[in-house]
């Protein structure tokens, strides 16, 4: 177990298993609220970092539930919420998003998720079962995400996700299959001269959204001197 800090957030994390990384921060920064009082859900919340960052960012009119399939991570997320005095706005439950009865239907304004990037066939199994669950589609595919989002989101509810650029087509196809229309997209590249396949993307989809998607300028992680860009560092301010 390690004790880490993200700005004002103090976070207990497992030594072996899913941990906070840059994608975590980018996803939390990507979320926008479209009304004053909202009810959010994070699927695959691990130790609760994204949920707690959002609860800290959006304050009193924001409520979020974190769903996690690994029981030991749920208990850790609950402890992190209590330690950061955010347990009145962030709660955590154990469950599988593929379970159609795990949560009420059409109950949430927003869904946040960082799904496993690699398919079972393409990825390499880790010695850590917890880490493999986070990285590989053992319990969560893009179709699972789309179906889950359609089920739990209200009409015009919003999905916020981060995913691997190499699988952009698969992700968007799955979202459209379940009436989740991509509305906002931002590529993230390691450097300006990087191949697009080496990066990730941030996406916002709307349930029963109309036609038209806003593609934002790329976010570059490092500059020509291999230093973190100012735009990236700005994402860490909550």
C-alpha atoms as a PDB file:
ATOM      1  CA  UNK A   1       0.000   0.000   0.000  1.00  0.00           C
ATOM      2  CA  UNK A   2       1.286   3.486  -0.834  1.00  0.00           C
ATOM      3  CA  UNK A   3       0.129   6.914   0.300  1.00  0.00           C
ATOM      4  CA  UNK A   4       0.220   9.435  -2.557  1.00  0.00           C
ATOM      5  CA  UNK A   5      -0.902  13.020  -3.127  1.00  0.00           C
ATOM      6  CA  UNK A   6      -2.628  14.599  -6.129  1.00  0.00           C
ATOM      7  CA  UNK A   7      -2.832  18.270  -5.291  1.00  0.00           C
ATOM      8  CA  UNK A   8      -4.946  18.430  -2.117  1.00  0.00           C
ATOM      9  CA  UNK A   9      -6.132  14.836  -2.512  1.00  0.00           C
ATOM     10  CA  UNK A  10      -4.404  12.206  -0.371  1.00  0.00           C
ATOM     11  CA  UNK A  11      -4.799   8.749  -1.852  1.00  0.00           C
ATOM     12  CA  UNK A  12      -4.059   5.262  -0.582  1.00  0.00           C
ATOM     13  CA  UNK A  13      -3.276   2.963  -3.503  1.00  0.00           C
ATOM     14  CA  UNK A  14      -2.313  -0.699  -3.905  1.00  0.00           C
ATOM     15  CA  UNK A  15       1.300  -1.421  -4.763  1.00  0.00           C
ATOM     16  CA  UNK A  16       0.121  -4.111  -7.204  1.00  0.00           C
ATOM     17  CA  UNK A  17      -2.939  -3.183  -9.217  1.00  0.00           C
ATOM     18  CA  UNK A  18      -4.508  -0.140 -10.925  1.00  0.00           C
ATOM     19  CA  UNK A  19      -2.870   3.126  -9.855  1.00  0.00           C
ATOM     20  CA  UNK A  20      -3.265   6.785 -10.717  1.00  0.00           C
ATOM     21  CA  UNK A  21      -1.540   7.767 -13.935  1.00  0.00           C
ATOM     22  CA  UNK A  22      -1.716  10.597 -16.441  1.00  0.00           C
ATOM     23  CA  UNK A  23      -4.877   9.210 -18.032  1.00  0.00           C
ATOM     24  CA  UNK A  24      -6.597   9.438 -14.637  1.00  0.00           C
ATOM     25  CA  UNK A  25      -5.841  13.150 -14.394  1.00  0.00           C
ATOM     26  CA  UNK A  26      -6.768  13.879 -18.013  1.00  0.00           C
ATOM     27  CA  UNK A  27     -10.121  12.138 -17.620  1.00  0.00           C
ATOM     28  CA  UNK A  28     -10.986  14.034 -14.439  1.00  0.00           C
ATOM     29  CA  UNK A  29     -10.048  17.320 -16.138  1.00  0.00           C
ATOM     30  CA  UNK A  30     -12.103  16.430 -19.221  1.00  0.00           C
ATOM     31  CA  UNK A  31     -15.429  16.254 -17.374  1.00  0.00           C
ATOM     32  CA  UNK A  32     -17.741  19.237 -17.756  1.00  0.00           C
ATOM     33  CA  UNK A  33     -21.024  19.892 -15.989  1.00  0.00           C
ATOM     34  CA  UNK A  34     -23.971  21.057 -18.076  1.00  0.00           C
ATOM     35  CA  UNK A  35     -26.263  21.957 -15.193  1.00  0.00           C
ATOM     36  CA  UNK A  36     -25.809  23.065 -11.590  1.00  0.00           C
ATOM     37  CA  UNK A  37     -26.934  19.972  -9.696  1.00  0.00           C
ATOM     38  CA  UNK A  38     -25.866  16.612 -11.069  1.00  0.00           C
ATOM     39  CA  UNK A  39     -25.680  12.951 -10.186  1.00  0.00           C
ATOM     40  CA  UNK A  40     -22.680  11.125 -11.655  1.00  0.00           C
ATOM     41  CA  UNK A  41     -21.380   7.573 -11.813  1.00  0.00           C
ATOM     42  CA  UNK A  42     -17.841   6.312 -12.320  1.00  0.00           C
ATOM     43  CA  UNK A  43     -17.472   2.739 -13.603  1.00  0.00           C
ATOM     44  CA  UNK A  44     -14.258   0.920 -12.794  1.00  0.00           C
ATOM     45  CA  UNK A  45     -13.359   3.454 -10.111  1.00  0.00           C
ATOM     46  CA  UNK A  46     -10.410   1.471  -8.604  1.00  0.00           C
ATOM     47  CA  UNK A  47      -9.269   3.303  -5.445  1.00  0.00           C
ATOM     48  CA  UNK A  48     -11.563   6.241  -6.217  1.00  0.00           C
ATOM     49  CA  UNK A  49      -9.161   8.841  -7.629  1.00  0.00           C
ATOM     50  CA  UNK A  50     -11.337  10.212 -10.454  1.00  0.00           C
ATOM     51  CA  UNK A  51     -14.520  10.226  -8.359  1.00  0.00           C
ATOM     52  CA  UNK A  52     -12.792  12.054  -5.516  1.00  0.00           C
ATOM     53  CA  UNK A  53     -11.111  14.572  -7.808  1.00  0.00           C
ATOM     54  CA  UNK A  54     -14.500  15.378  -9.317  1.00  0.00           C
ATOM     55  CA  UNK A  55     -16.171  15.629  -5.904  1.00  0.00           C
ATOM     56  CA  UNK A  56     -13.415  18.022  -4.840  1.00  0.00           C
ATOM     57  CA  UNK A  57     -13.658  20.002  -8.096  1.00  0.00           C
ATOM     58  CA  UNK A  58     -17.432  20.459  -8.337  1.00  0.00           C
ATOM     59  CA  UNK A  59     -18.266  20.886  -4.639  1.00  0.00           C
ATOM     60  CA  UNK A  60     -21.685  20.795  -2.985  1.00  0.00           C
ATOM     61  CA  UNK A  61     -24.160  20.242  -5.837  1.00  0.00           C
ATOM     62  CA  UNK A  62     -22.255  17.236  -7.166  1.00  0.00           C
ATOM     63  CA  UNK A  63     -22.858  13.622  -6.127  1.00  0.00           C
ATOM     64  CA  UNK A  64     -20.934  10.662  -7.517  1.00  0.00           C
ATOM     65  CA  UNK A  65     -21.117   6.896  -7.072  1.00  0.00           C
ATOM     66  CA  UNK A  66     -18.084   4.767  -7.860  1.00  0.00           C
ATOM     67  CA  UNK A  67     -18.667   1.215  -9.127  1.00  0.00           C
ATOM     68  CA  UNK A  68     -15.815  -1.295  -8.938  1.00  0.00           C
ATOM     69  CA  UNK A  69     -15.732  -5.055  -9.559  1.00  0.00           C
ATOM     70  CA  UNK A  70     -12.786  -5.676  -7.182  1.00  0.00           C
ATOM     71  CA  UNK A  71     -14.028  -5.645  -3.581  1.00  0.00           C
ATOM     72  CA  UNK A  72     -10.694  -4.741  -2.017  1.00  0.00           C
ATOM     73  CA  UNK A  73     -10.502  -1.595  -4.159  1.00  0.00           C
ATOM     74  CA  UNK A  74     -14.032  -0.574  -3.130  1.00  0.00           C
ATOM     75  CA  UNK A  75     -13.016  -0.676   0.532  1.00  0.00           C
ATOM     76  CA  UNK A  76      -9.922   1.363  -0.274  1.00  0.00           C
ATOM     77  CA  UNK A  77     -11.997   3.947  -2.175  1.00  0.00           C
ATOM     78  CA  UNK A  78     -14.365   4.273   0.794  1.00  0.00           C
ATOM     79  CA  UNK A  79     -11.403   4.873   3.090  1.00  0.00           C
ATOM     80  CA  UNK A  80      -9.978   7.481   0.705  1.00  0.00           C
ATOM     81  CA  UNK A  81     -13.322   9.299   0.628  1.00  0.00           C
ATOM     82  CA  UNK A  82     -13.476   9.352   4.418  1.00  0.00           C
ATOM     83  CA  UNK A  83      -9.848  10.459   4.825  1.00  0.00           C
ATOM     84  CA  UNK A  84     -10.393  13.356   2.408  1.00  0.00           C
ATOM     85  CA  UNK A  85     -13.750  14.331   3.986  1.00  0.00           C
ATOM     86  CA  UNK A  86     -15.524  13.714   0.680  1.00  0.00           C
ATOM     87  CA  UNK A  87     -17.724  10.800   1.783  1.00  0.00           C
ATOM     88  CA  UNK A  88     -20.832  13.009   1.836  1.00  0.00           C
ATOM     89  CA  UNK A  89     -20.526  13.528  -1.947  1.00  0.00           C
ATOM     90  CA  UNK A  90     -18.760  10.362  -3.099  1.00  0.00           C
ATOM     91  CA  UNK A  91     -19.824   6.819  -2.261  1.00  0.00           C
ATOM     92  CA  UNK A  92     -18.526   3.499  -3.594  1.00  0.00           C
ATOM     93  CA  UNK A  93     -20.162   0.158  -4.275  1.00  0.00           C
ATOM     94  CA  UNK A  94     -19.024  -3.247  -5.461  1.00  0.00           C
ATOM     95  CA  UNK A  95     -20.460  -4.657  -8.673  1.00  0.00           C
ATOM     96  CA  UNK A  96     -20.080  -5.608 -12.316  1.00  0.00           C
ATOM     97  CA  UNK A  97     -21.291  -3.137 -14.937  1.00  0.00           C
ATOM     98  CA  UNK A  98     -22.494  -6.093 -17.015  1.00  0.00           C
ATOM     99  CA  UNK A  99     -25.055  -6.881 -14.313  1.00  0.00           C
ATOM    100  CA  UNK A 100     -28.279  -5.318 -15.607  1.00  0.00           C
ATOM    101  CA  UNK A 101     -29.717  -5.091 -12.090  1.00  0.00           C
ATOM    102  CA  UNK A 102     -26.734  -3.507 -10.345  1.00  0.00           C
ATOM    103  CA  UNK A 103     -28.063   0.081 -10.574  1.00  0.00           C
ATOM    104  CA  UNK A 104     -31.370   1.825 -11.338  1.00  0.00           C
ATOM    105  CA  UNK A 105     -32.051   2.559 -14.989  1.00  0.00           C
ATOM    106  CA  UNK A 106     -31.828   6.108 -16.336  1.00  0.00           C
ATOM    107  CA  UNK A 107     -30.748   7.432 -12.960  1.00  0.00           C
ATOM    108  CA  UNK A 108     -27.564   9.391 -13.707  1.00  0.00           C
ATOM    109  CA  UNK A 109     -26.721  12.653 -15.478  1.00  0.00           C
ATOM    110  CA  UNK A 110     -23.156  11.619 -16.240  1.00  0.00           C
ATOM    111  CA  UNK A 111     -20.909   8.567 -16.495  1.00  0.00           C
ATOM    112  CA  UNK A 112     -17.110   8.610 -16.284  1.00  0.00           C
ATOM    113  CA  UNK A 113     -15.000   5.646 -17.358  1.00  0.00           C
ATOM    114  CA  UNK A 114     -11.442   4.642 -18.236  1.00  0.00           C
ATOM    115  CA  UNK A 115     -12.031   1.220 -19.842  1.00  0.00           C
ATOM    116  CA  UNK A 116      -9.266  -1.353 -20.382  1.00  0.00           C
ATOM    117  CA  UNK A 117      -7.343  -0.385 -23.515  1.00  0.00           C
ATOM    118  CA  UNK A 118      -6.324  -3.829 -24.789  1.00  0.00           C
ATOM    119  CA  UNK A 119      -8.492  -6.637 -26.054  1.00  0.00           C
ATOM    120  CA  UNK A 120      -8.048 -10.049 -24.485  1.00  0.00           C
ATOM    121  CA  UNK A 121      -6.394 -11.254 -27.695  1.00  0.00           C
ATOM    122  CA  UNK A 122      -4.000  -8.315 -28.147  1.00  0.00           C
ATOM    123  CA  UNK A 123      -2.941  -7.700 -24.533  1.00  0.00           C
ATOM    124  CA  UNK A 124      -0.490  -9.547 -22.332  1.00  0.00           C
ATOM    125  CA  UNK A 125      -1.671 -10.986 -19.026  1.00  0.00           C
ATOM    126  CA  UNK A 126       0.003  -9.538 -15.933  1.00  0.00           C
ATOM    127  CA  UNK A 127       1.043 -11.626 -12.946  1.00  0.00           C
ATOM    128  CA  UNK A 128      -1.289  -9.355 -10.969  1.00  0.00           C
ATOM    129  CA  UNK A 129      -4.943 -10.301 -11.555  1.00  0.00           C
ATOM    130  CA  UNK A 130      -5.987  -6.822 -10.411  1.00  0.00           C
ATOM    131  CA  UNK A 131      -3.724  -5.153 -12.969  1.00  0.00           C
ATOM    132  CA  UNK A 132      -4.869  -7.486 -15.763  1.00  0.00           C
ATOM    133  CA  UNK A 133      -8.495  -6.621 -14.998  1.00  0.00           C
ATOM    134  CA  UNK A 134      -7.677  -2.925 -15.356  1.00  0.00           C
ATOM    135  CA  UNK A 135      -5.678  -3.322 -18.585  1.00  0.00           C
ATOM    136  CA  UNK A 136      -7.425  -6.096 -20.515  1.00  0.00           C
ATOM    137  CA  UNK A 137     -11.040  -6.586 -21.590  1.00  0.00           C
ATOM    138  CA  UNK A 138     -11.601  -9.411 -19.133  1.00  0.00           C
ATOM    139  CA  UNK A 139     -14.719  -7.816 -17.650  1.00  0.00           C
ATOM    140  CA  UNK A 140     -15.358  -4.735 -19.834  1.00  0.00           C
ATOM    141  CA  UNK A 141     -15.449  -4.261 -23.633  1.00  0.00           C
ATOM    142  CA  UNK A 142     -16.471  -1.135 -25.608  1.00  0.00           C
ATOM    143  CA  UNK A 143     -19.862  -2.775 -26.240  1.00  0.00           C
ATOM    144  CA  UNK A 144     -20.226  -3.323 -22.488  1.00  0.00           C
ATOM    145  CA  UNK A 145     -19.506   0.372 -21.940  1.00  0.00           C
ATOM    146  CA  UNK A 146     -22.054   1.473 -24.548  1.00  0.00           C
ATOM    147  CA  UNK A 147     -24.771  -0.822 -23.239  1.00  0.00           C
ATOM    148  CA  UNK A 148     -24.105   0.216 -19.639  1.00  0.00           C
ATOM    149  CA  UNK A 149     -24.130   3.927 -20.503  1.00  0.00           C
ATOM    150  CA  UNK A 150     -27.447   3.614 -22.338  1.00  0.00           C
ATOM    151  CA  UNK A 151     -28.942   1.729 -19.408  1.00  0.00           C
ATOM    152  CA  UNK A 152     -27.911   3.998 -16.502  1.00  0.00           C
ATOM    153  CA  UNK A 153     -27.915   7.461 -18.100  1.00  0.00           C
ATOM    154  CA  UNK A 154     -30.930   9.724 -18.297  1.00  0.00           C
ATOM    155  CA  UNK A 155     -32.073  11.007 -21.691  1.00  0.00           C
ATOM    156  CA  UNK A 156     -29.356  13.440 -22.857  1.00  0.00           C
ATOM    157  CA  UNK A 157     -27.038  12.083 -20.176  1.00  0.00           C
ATOM    158  CA  UNK A 158     -23.317  12.300 -20.921  1.00  0.00           C
ATOM    159  CA  UNK A 159     -20.502   9.786 -21.064  1.00  0.00           C
ATOM    160  CA  UNK A 160     -16.909  10.945 -20.500  1.00  0.00           C
ATOM    161  CA  UNK A 161     -14.155   8.470 -21.375  1.00  0.00           C
ATOM    162  CA  UNK A 162     -10.484   8.064 -22.197  1.00  0.00           C
ATOM    163  CA  UNK A 163      -9.334   5.276 -24.523  1.00  0.00           C
ATOM    164  CA  UNK A 164      -6.489   4.151 -26.797  1.00  0.00           C
ATOM    165  CA  UNK A 165      -6.224   5.910 -30.176  1.00  0.00           C
ATOM    166  CA  UNK A 166      -5.567   2.615 -31.950  1.00  0.00           C
ATOM    167  CA  UNK A 167      -9.128   1.571 -31.071  1.00  0.00           C
ATOM    168  CA  UNK A 168     -10.997   4.793 -31.817  1.00  0.00           C
ATOM    169  CA  UNK A 169     -13.087   3.089 -34.493  1.00  0.00           C
ATOM    170  CA  UNK A 170     -14.136   0.259 -32.178  1.00  0.00           C
ATOM    171  CA  UNK A 171     -15.098   2.648 -29.391  1.00  0.00           C
ATOM    172  CA  UNK A 172     -17.148   4.994 -31.566  1.00  0.00           C
ATOM    173  CA  UNK A 173     -18.888   2.069 -33.298  1.00  0.00           C
ATOM    174  CA  UNK A 174     -19.898   0.699 -29.893  1.00  0.00           C
ATOM    175  CA  UNK A 175     -21.172   4.076 -28.711  1.00  0.00           C
ATOM    176  CA  UNK A 176     -23.296   4.595 -31.815  1.00  0.00           C
ATOM    177  CA  UNK A 177     -24.649   1.052 -31.525  1.00  0.00           C
ATOM    178  CA  UNK A 178     -26.152   2.012 -28.155  1.00  0.00           C
ATOM    179  CA  UNK A 179     -27.392   5.507 -29.116  1.00  0.00           C
ATOM    180  CA  UNK A 180     -24.479   7.295 -27.429  1.00  0.00           C
ATOM    181  CA  UNK A 181     -23.552  10.027 -29.926  1.00  0.00           C
ATOM    182  CA  UNK A 182     -19.957  11.355 -29.845  1.00  0.00           C
ATOM    183  CA  UNK A 183     -20.125  15.133 -29.395  1.00  0.00           C
ATOM    184  CA  UNK A 184     -16.642  16.194 -28.270  1.00  0.00           C
ATOM    185  CA  UNK A 185     -13.279  14.545 -29.036  1.00  0.00           C
ATOM    186  CA  UNK A 186      -9.705  15.468 -28.178  1.00  0.00           C
ATOM    187  CA  UNK A 187      -6.599  13.533 -29.268  1.00  0.00           C
ATOM    188  CA  UNK A 188      -3.664  13.359 -26.847  1.00  0.00           C
ATOM    189  CA  UNK A 189      -0.189  12.832 -28.339  1.00  0.00           C
ATOM    190  CA  UNK A 190       3.157  12.197 -26.600  1.00  0.00           C
ATOM    191  CA  UNK A 191       4.806  14.896 -28.809  1.00  0.00           C
ATOM    192  CA  UNK A 192       3.999  17.008 -31.856  1.00  0.00           C
ATOM    193  CA  UNK A 193       5.770  14.616 -34.227  1.00  0.00           C
ATOM    194  CA  UNK A 194       4.259  11.469 -32.693  1.00  0.00           C
ATOM    195  CA  UNK A 195       2.234   8.991 -34.696  1.00  0.00           C
ATOM    196  CA  UNK A 196      -1.456   9.185 -33.806  1.00  0.00           C
ATOM    197  CA  UNK A 197      -1.464   5.480 -32.867  1.00  0.00           C
ATOM    198  CA  UNK A 198       0.886   6.181 -29.957  1.00  0.00           C
ATOM    199  CA  UNK A 199      -1.623   8.363 -28.145  1.00  0.00           C
ATOM    200  CA  UNK A 200      -5.012   8.292 -26.483  1.00  0.00           C
ATOM    201  CA  UNK A 201      -8.214  10.249 -26.929  1.00  0.00           C
ATOM    202  CA  UNK A 202     -10.749  11.899 -24.665  1.00  0.00           C
ATOM    203  CA  UNK A 203     -14.380  11.692 -25.721  1.00  0.00           C
ATOM    204  CA  UNK A 204     -17.768  12.973 -24.597  1.00  0.00           C
ATOM    205  CA  UNK A 205     -20.931  11.255 -25.849  1.00  0.00           C
ATOM    206  CA  UNK A 206     -24.579  12.178 -25.355  1.00  0.00           C
ATOM    207  CA  UNK A 207     -27.430   9.687 -25.095  1.00  0.00           C
ATOM    208  CA  UNK A 208     -29.744  10.341 -28.056  1.00  0.00           C
ATOM    209  CA  UNK A 209     -27.510  13.254 -29.061  1.00  0.00           C
ATOM    210  CA  UNK A 210     -27.976  14.994 -32.404  1.00  0.00           C
ATOM    211  CA  UNK A 211     -25.573  14.867 -35.323  1.00  0.00           C
ATOM    212  CA  UNK A 212     -22.324  16.828 -35.143  1.00  0.00           C
ATOM    213  CA  UNK A 213     -19.053  16.365 -33.253  1.00  0.00           C
ATOM    214  CA  UNK A 214     -16.536  18.992 -32.122  1.00  0.00           C
ATOM    215  CA  UNK A 215     -12.944  17.788 -32.626  1.00  0.00           C
ATOM    216  CA  UNK A 216     -10.637  19.834 -30.403  1.00  0.00           C
ATOM    217  CA  UNK A 217      -6.957  20.583 -31.099  1.00  0.00           C
ATOM    218  CA  UNK A 218      -4.572  17.879 -29.856  1.00  0.00           C
ATOM    219  CA  UNK A 219      -3.094  17.999 -26.377  1.00  0.00           C
ATOM    220  CA  UNK A 220       0.667  17.352 -26.443  1.00  0.00           C
ATOM    221  CA  UNK A 221       2.273  15.792 -23.389  1.00  0.00           C
ATOM    222  CA  UNK A 222       5.885  16.876 -24.002  1.00  0.00           C
ATOM    223  CA  UNK A 223       7.503  19.736 -25.923  1.00  0.00           C
ATOM    224  CA  UNK A 224      10.513  19.662 -28.234  1.00  0.00           C
ATOM    225  CA  UNK A 225      12.838  19.687 -25.189  1.00  0.00           C
ATOM    226  CA  UNK A 226      11.075  16.653 -23.693  1.00  0.00           C
ATOM    227  CA  UNK A 227       9.576  18.730 -20.883  1.00  0.00           C
ATOM    228  CA  UNK A 228       5.912  18.483 -19.926  1.00  0.00           C
ATOM    229  CA  UNK A 229       3.903  21.132 -21.762  1.00  0.00           C
ATOM    230  CA  UNK A 230       2.203  23.904 -19.832  1.00  0.00           C
ATOM    231  CA  UNK A 231      -1.143  22.779 -21.192  1.00  0.00           C
ATOM    232  CA  UNK A 232      -0.630  19.296 -19.743  1.00  0.00           C
ATOM    233  CA  UNK A 233       0.463  20.657 -16.366  1.00  0.00           C
ATOM    234  CA  UNK A 234      -2.671  22.795 -16.293  1.00  0.00           C
ATOM    235  CA  UNK A 235      -4.763  19.615 -16.270  1.00  0.00           C
ATOM    236  CA  UNK A 236      -3.370  18.796 -12.798  1.00  0.00           C
ATOM    237  CA  UNK A 237      -4.919  21.871 -11.186  1.00  0.00           C
ATOM    238  CA  UNK A 238      -8.121  20.968  -9.327  1.00  0.00           C
END
